[in-house]
Amino acid sequence: MGERRARWLRRVLALAYLGVLVVVPLIAVIGKVLSEGAGEFWRAISSSDAITAYRLTAIVSIAAVVLNTVFGVGLAVLLSRFRFAGRGVLNAITDLPVSVSPIVAGLALVLVYGPYNGWFGPGLLSAGIRVIFALPGMILATTFVSLPLVLREVLPVLEEEGIDQDQAARVLGAGPLQRFARITLPTIRPALTYGIVLSLARSIGEFGAVRVVSGNISGSGQTQTVPLLIAERVDQLEPGSFQLALVLILVAVLAIVVVSLVGPKEHSR
């Protein structure tokens, strides 16, 4: 009887913890949006600044996801199937974005690619390539903060599967692309989908690193993503911040639904 009560107590505490940190703030945002009406909601999410921010957010997020998918899968294959000097260091470095503040990551990118005082920025700028305060810097910052998400989903699956099938296919004469398409890709597909969804959700909501490297240029919307537009409206006490926040919440909920559908397939392997 005492053990049963302890289990119920743990459940109540866990639900209370999630309620205070997650559910209550979400309800507050939804309640604020509903109180201002459907007309205000539509005006806020369909303004020219918002539409431009959607477009830029989509470009930055998709580019970051593509880069993280390509290099995440490549690193996962490298770390799981090969043994080489510095493997442990490389494995540890890939977790660096999790432990480093996004603002610090943005400052590091400015130090390296700054147009005037950066290591490579002046040379790139003389060649007509601007990284910081432009789209490339935003993509780099978003890619950095979401770097481990694909890798950390794919790597455990490859390590669990081992290399027996890959070696057998190699003995039978299959080339690297054939082995990847027929062995590696089917093995990692659920985990890869899971990681892509998480990476996309993380990229869409990124604020700190992008804020540092973007310049947050509004009007034309050249460097203002949806999170930056929300922050600007909050700072200037302009209407529409809660409505845009609700859009991001809905995107996050959609990502959770996709992850929940993909997750059981991954764990049933």
Protein backbone atom coordinates (compact mmCIF):
# COMPACT_ATOMS: atom_id res chain seq x y z
CA MET A 1 0.00 0.00 0.00
CA GLY A 2 2.84 2.37 0.89
CA GLU A 3 4.59 1.65 -2.42
CA ARG A 4 1.39 2.39 -4.34
CA ARG A 5 0.99 5.72 -2.58
CA ALA A 6 4.62 6.55 -3.32
CA ARG A 7 4.06 5.88 -7.03
CA TRP A 8 1.00 8.10 -7.09
CA LEU A 9 2.89 10.82 -5.24
CA ARG A 10 5.71 10.69 -7.79
CA ARG A 11 3.21 10.95 -10.62
CA VAL A 12 1.44 13.90 -9.04
CA LEU A 13 4.74 15.68 -8.46
CA ALA A 14 5.85 15.04 -12.06
CA LEU A 15 2.55 16.33 -13.45
CA ALA A 16 2.66 19.37 -11.18
CA TYR A 17 6.22 20.11 -12.28
CA LEU A 18 5.28 19.88 -15.98
CA GLY A 19 2.12 21.87 -15.36
CA VAL A 20 3.92 24.79 -13.75
CA LEU A 21 6.75 24.92 -16.29
CA VAL A 22 4.94 23.99 -19.52
CA VAL A 23 1.16 23.74 -19.40
CA VAL A 24 0.34 26.91 -17.44
CA PRO A 25 2.46 29.24 -19.65
CA LEU A 26 0.99 27.67 -22.79
CA ILE A 27 -2.55 28.12 -21.47
CA ALA A 28 -1.73 31.75 -20.65
CA VAL A 29 -0.54 32.40 -24.22
CA ILE A 30 -3.55 30.66 -25.76
CA GLY A 31 -5.91 32.53 -23.41
CA LYS A 32 -4.33 35.87 -24.34
CA VAL A 33 -4.71 35.13 -28.05
CA LEU A 34 -8.34 34.04 -27.67
CA SER A 35 -9.19 37.12 -25.62
CA GLU A 36 -8.00 39.41 -28.42
CA GLY A 37 -10.17 37.69 -31.00
CA ALA A 38 -9.79 35.98 -34.34
CA GLY A 39 -9.47 39.23 -36.25
CA GLU A 40 -6.43 40.37 -34.31
CA PHE A 41 -4.94 36.89 -34.62
CA TRP A 42 -5.25 36.97 -38.39
CA ARG A 43 -3.88 40.51 -38.67
CA ALA A 44 -0.86 39.61 -36.54
CA ILE A 45 0.08 36.44 -38.38
CA SER A 46 -0.63 37.75 -41.89
CA SER A 47 1.19 41.10 -41.74
CA SER A 48 3.93 41.75 -44.27
CA ASP A 49 6.62 41.56 -41.56
CA ALA A 50 5.27 38.23 -40.34
CA ILE A 51 5.10 36.70 -43.82
CA THR A 52 8.66 37.81 -44.55
CA ALA A 53 9.78 36.39 -41.21
CA TYR A 54 8.05 33.07 -42.02
CA ARG A 55 9.89 32.88 -45.32
CA LEU A 56 13.28 33.65 -43.81
CA THR A 57 12.70 31.25 -40.91
CA ALA A 58 11.82 28.49 -43.36
CA ILE A 59 14.93 29.14 -45.47
CA VAL A 60 17.26 29.19 -42.47
CA SER A 61 15.67 26.16 -40.80
CA ILE A 62 15.55 23.98 -43.91
CA ALA A 63 19.15 24.83 -44.79
CA ALA A 64 20.28 23.99 -41.26
CA VAL A 65 18.37 20.71 -41.28
CA VAL A 66 19.85 19.70 -44.64
CA LEU A 67 23.38 20.45 -43.43
CA ASN A 68 22.84 18.63 -40.14
CA THR A 69 21.29 15.65 -41.90
CA VAL A 70 24.17 15.26 -44.35
CA PHE A 71 26.95 15.80 -41.84
CA GLY A 72 25.09 14.12 -38.98
CA VAL A 73 24.64 10.89 -40.92
CA GLY A 74 28.20 11.10 -42.22
CA LEU A 75 29.62 11.57 -38.72
CA ALA A 76 27.44 8.77 -37.36
CA VAL A 77 28.76 6.36 -40.00
CA LEU A 78 32.32 7.51 -39.34
CA LEU A 79 32.08 7.15 -35.55
CA SER A 80 30.22 3.83 -35.59
CA ARG A 81 32.14 1.93 -38.27
CA PHE A 82 35.69 3.20 -38.06
CA ARG A 83 38.33 3.35 -35.33
CA PHE A 84 40.90 6.13 -35.62
CA ALA A 85 43.05 8.42 -33.51
CA GLY A 86 41.01 11.28 -32.05
CA ARG A 87 37.69 9.47 -32.37
CA GLY A 88 36.78 10.14 -28.74
CA VAL A 89 37.67 13.82 -29.07
CA LEU A 90 35.55 14.16 -32.22
CA ASN A 91 32.65 12.40 -30.49
CA ALA A 92 32.90 14.80 -27.54
CA ILE A 93 33.13 17.90 -29.75
CA THR A 94 29.83 17.05 -31.42
CA ASP A 95 28.11 17.53 -28.05
CA LEU A 96 29.60 21.01 -27.61
CA PRO A 97 26.52 22.87 -28.92
CA VAL A 98 24.45 21.31 -26.12
CA SER A 99 26.70 22.70 -23.38
CA VAL A 100 27.58 26.07 -24.91
CA SER A 101 25.15 28.96 -24.68
CA PRO A 102 23.70 29.92 -28.08
CA ILE A 103 24.74 33.52 -27.44
CA VAL A 104 28.34 32.36 -26.93
CA ALA A 105 28.09 30.43 -30.20
CA GLY A 106 26.90 33.57 -31.96
CA LEU A 107 29.76 35.63 -30.52
CA ALA A 108 32.24 32.96 -31.63
CA LEU A 109 30.89 33.16 -35.17
CA VAL A 110 31.23 36.94 -35.10
CA LEU A 111 34.84 36.55 -33.95
CA VAL A 112 35.61 34.22 -36.84
CA TYR A 113 33.46 35.68 -39.64
CA GLY A 114 33.00 39.31 -38.57
CA PRO A 115 33.21 41.57 -41.64
CA TYR A 116 35.86 43.88 -40.19
CA ASN A 117 37.70 42.24 -37.29
CA GLY A 118 36.97 38.54 -37.86
CA TRP A 119 39.57 35.96 -38.82
CA PHE A 120 38.06 35.25 -42.23
CA GLY A 121 35.39 37.93 -42.51
CA PRO A 122 37.42 40.69 -44.21
CA GLY A 123 38.71 38.30 -46.86
CA LEU A 124 35.24 36.95 -47.54
CA LEU A 125 33.80 40.46 -47.62
CA SER A 126 36.41 41.56 -50.18
CA ALA A 127 35.26 38.62 -52.31
CA GLY A 128 31.67 39.84 -52.04
CA ILE A 129 30.57 37.30 -49.43
CA ARG A 130 29.04 38.67 -46.24
CA VAL A 131 28.51 36.10 -43.49
CA ILE A 132 27.71 38.03 -40.33
CA PHE A 133 24.55 40.20 -40.43
CA ALA A 134 23.43 38.20 -43.44
CA LEU A 135 21.74 34.92 -44.32
CA PRO A 136 24.90 32.72 -44.29
CA GLY A 137 25.67 33.67 -40.70
CA MET A 138 22.11 32.89 -39.62
CA ILE A 139 22.32 29.48 -41.26
CA LEU A 140 25.69 28.78 -39.61
CA ALA A 141 24.38 29.79 -36.18
CA THR A 142 21.24 27.68 -36.52
CA THR A 143 23.21 24.72 -37.82
CA PHE A 144 25.57 24.95 -34.85
CA VAL A 145 22.90 24.93 -32.15
CA SER A 146 21.02 22.01 -33.75
CA LEU A 147 24.12 20.04 -34.73
CA PRO A 148 23.85 17.03 -32.36
CA LEU A 149 20.16 16.26 -32.86
CA VAL A 150 20.42 14.12 -36.01
CA LEU A 151 23.76 12.60 -35.03
CA ARG A 152 22.65 11.51 -31.55
CA GLU A 153 19.55 9.78 -32.94
CA VAL A 154 21.35 7.92 -35.73
CA LEU A 155 24.61 6.95 -33.98
CA PRO A 156 23.12 4.59 -31.32
CA VAL A 157 21.15 2.73 -34.01
CA LEU A 158 24.26 2.15 -36.12
CA GLU A 159 26.28 1.06 -33.08
CA GLU A 160 23.56 -1.41 -32.08
CA GLU A 161 23.31 -2.86 -35.59
CA GLY A 162 27.06 -3.37 -35.88
CA ILE A 163 29.00 -3.77 -39.11
CA ASP A 164 28.33 -7.43 -40.00
CA GLN A 165 25.81 -6.68 -42.76
CA ASP A 166 27.96 -3.92 -44.19
CA GLN A 167 31.01 -6.17 -44.31
CA ALA A 168 29.03 -8.99 -45.89
CA ALA A 169 27.77 -6.63 -48.60
CA ARG A 170 31.31 -5.42 -49.19
CA VAL A 171 32.54 -9.00 -49.63
CA LEU A 172 29.75 -9.59 -52.15
CA GLY A 173 30.99 -6.62 -54.17
CA ALA A 174 28.58 -3.85 -53.16
CA GLY A 175 30.02 -0.34 -53.43
CA PRO A 176 29.77 2.36 -50.75
CA LEU A 177 26.66 3.97 -52.26
CA GLN A 178 24.94 0.60 -52.66
CA ARG A 179 25.71 -0.35 -49.06
CA PHE A 180 24.43 2.99 -47.81
CA ALA A 181 21.21 2.84 -49.85
CA ARG A 182 20.37 -0.81 -49.17
CA ILE A 183 21.73 -1.37 -45.67
CA THR A 184 22.51 1.82 -43.77
CA LEU A 185 19.57 3.97 -44.87
CA PRO A 186 16.82 1.39 -44.13
CA THR A 187 18.44 0.75 -40.75
CA ILE A 188 18.52 4.40 -39.69
CA ARG A 189 15.35 5.65 -41.41
CA PRO A 190 13.12 5.88 -38.28
CA ALA A 191 15.90 7.42 -36.18
CA LEU A 192 16.82 9.77 -39.01
CA THR A 193 13.23 10.96 -39.35
CA TYR A 194 13.09 11.47 -35.59
CA GLY A 195 16.29 13.52 -35.63
CA ILE A 196 15.22 15.62 -38.63
CA VAL A 197 11.95 16.56 -36.94
CA LEU A 198 13.73 17.51 -33.72
CA SER A 199 16.35 19.48 -35.63
CA LEU A 200 13.67 21.34 -37.59
CA ALA A 201 11.75 22.24 -34.44
CA ARG A 202 14.94 23.42 -32.74
CA SER A 203 15.97 25.47 -35.77
CA ILE A 204 12.61 27.20 -36.12
CA GLY A 205 12.66 28.36 -32.51
CA GLU A 206 16.32 29.43 -32.29
CA PHE A 207 16.79 32.94 -30.92
CA GLY A 208 20.07 33.60 -29.09
CA ALA A 209 22.71 32.71 -31.67
CA VAL A 210 20.67 34.08 -34.57
CA ARG A 211 20.06 37.33 -32.68
CA VAL A 212 23.81 37.90 -32.34
CA VAL A 213 24.77 37.21 -35.96
CA SER A 214 21.72 38.56 -37.78
CA GLY A 215 21.60 42.24 -36.90
CA ASN A 216 17.79 41.82 -36.63
CA ILE A 217 17.08 44.06 -39.63
CA SER A 218 13.34 44.61 -39.88
CA GLY A 219 11.27 46.36 -42.50
CA SER A 220 12.62 44.43 -45.45
CA GLY A 221 12.92 41.45 -43.14
CA GLN A 222 16.31 40.55 -44.48
CA THR A 223 17.60 39.15 -41.18
CA GLN A 224 14.53 38.88 -38.96
CA THR A 225 13.14 35.43 -38.21
CA VAL A 226 9.88 34.77 -36.40
CA PRO A 227 11.47 34.53 -32.90
CA LEU A 228 13.29 37.82 -33.54
CA LEU A 229 10.07 39.47 -34.72
CA ILE A 230 8.30 38.30 -31.57
CA ALA A 231 11.08 39.74 -29.40
CA GLU A 232 10.95 43.05 -31.28
CA ARG A 233 7.20 43.35 -30.79
CA VAL A 234 7.54 42.56 -27.09
CA ASP A 235 10.34 45.10 -26.62
CA GLN A 236 8.43 47.83 -28.45
CA LEU A 237 5.10 46.92 -26.84
CA GLU A 238 3.58 46.30 -30.25
CA PRO A 239 0.57 43.97 -30.69
CA GLY A 240 0.90 40.56 -32.31
CA SER A 241 3.65 38.92 -30.25
CA PHE A 242 1.35 36.40 -28.57
CA GLN A 243 -0.25 35.45 -31.87
CA LEU A 244 3.13 34.72 -33.46
CA ALA A 245 4.17 32.83 -30.33
CA LEU A 246 1.08 30.66 -30.76
CA VAL A 247 2.17 29.87 -34.32
CA LEU A 248 5.52 28.62 -33.00
CA ILE A 249 3.70 26.60 -30.33
CA LEU A 250 1.55 24.94 -32.99
CA VAL A 251 4.66 24.08 -34.98
CA ALA A 252 6.22 22.55 -31.85
CA VAL A 253 3.06 20.53 -31.16
CA LEU A 254 3.08 19.25 -34.74
CA ALA A 255 6.72 18.22 -34.28
CA ILE A 256 5.81 16.36 -31.08
CA VAL A 257 3.02 14.53 -32.89
CA VAL A 258 5.37 13.48 -35.68
CA VAL A 259 8.00 12.37 -33.17
CA SER A 260 5.43 10.35 -31.23
CA LEU A 261 4.40 8.57 -34.43
CA VAL A 262 7.99 7.85 -35.43
CA GLY A 263 9.32 7.00 -31.98
CA PRO A 264 7.55 3.63 -31.44
CA LYS A 265 8.80 2.36 -34.80
CA GLU A 266 12.35 3.22 -33.79
CA HIS A 267 12.13 1.49 -30.42
CA SER A 268 10.44 -1.57 -31.85
CA ARG A 269 13.53 -2.49 -33.80
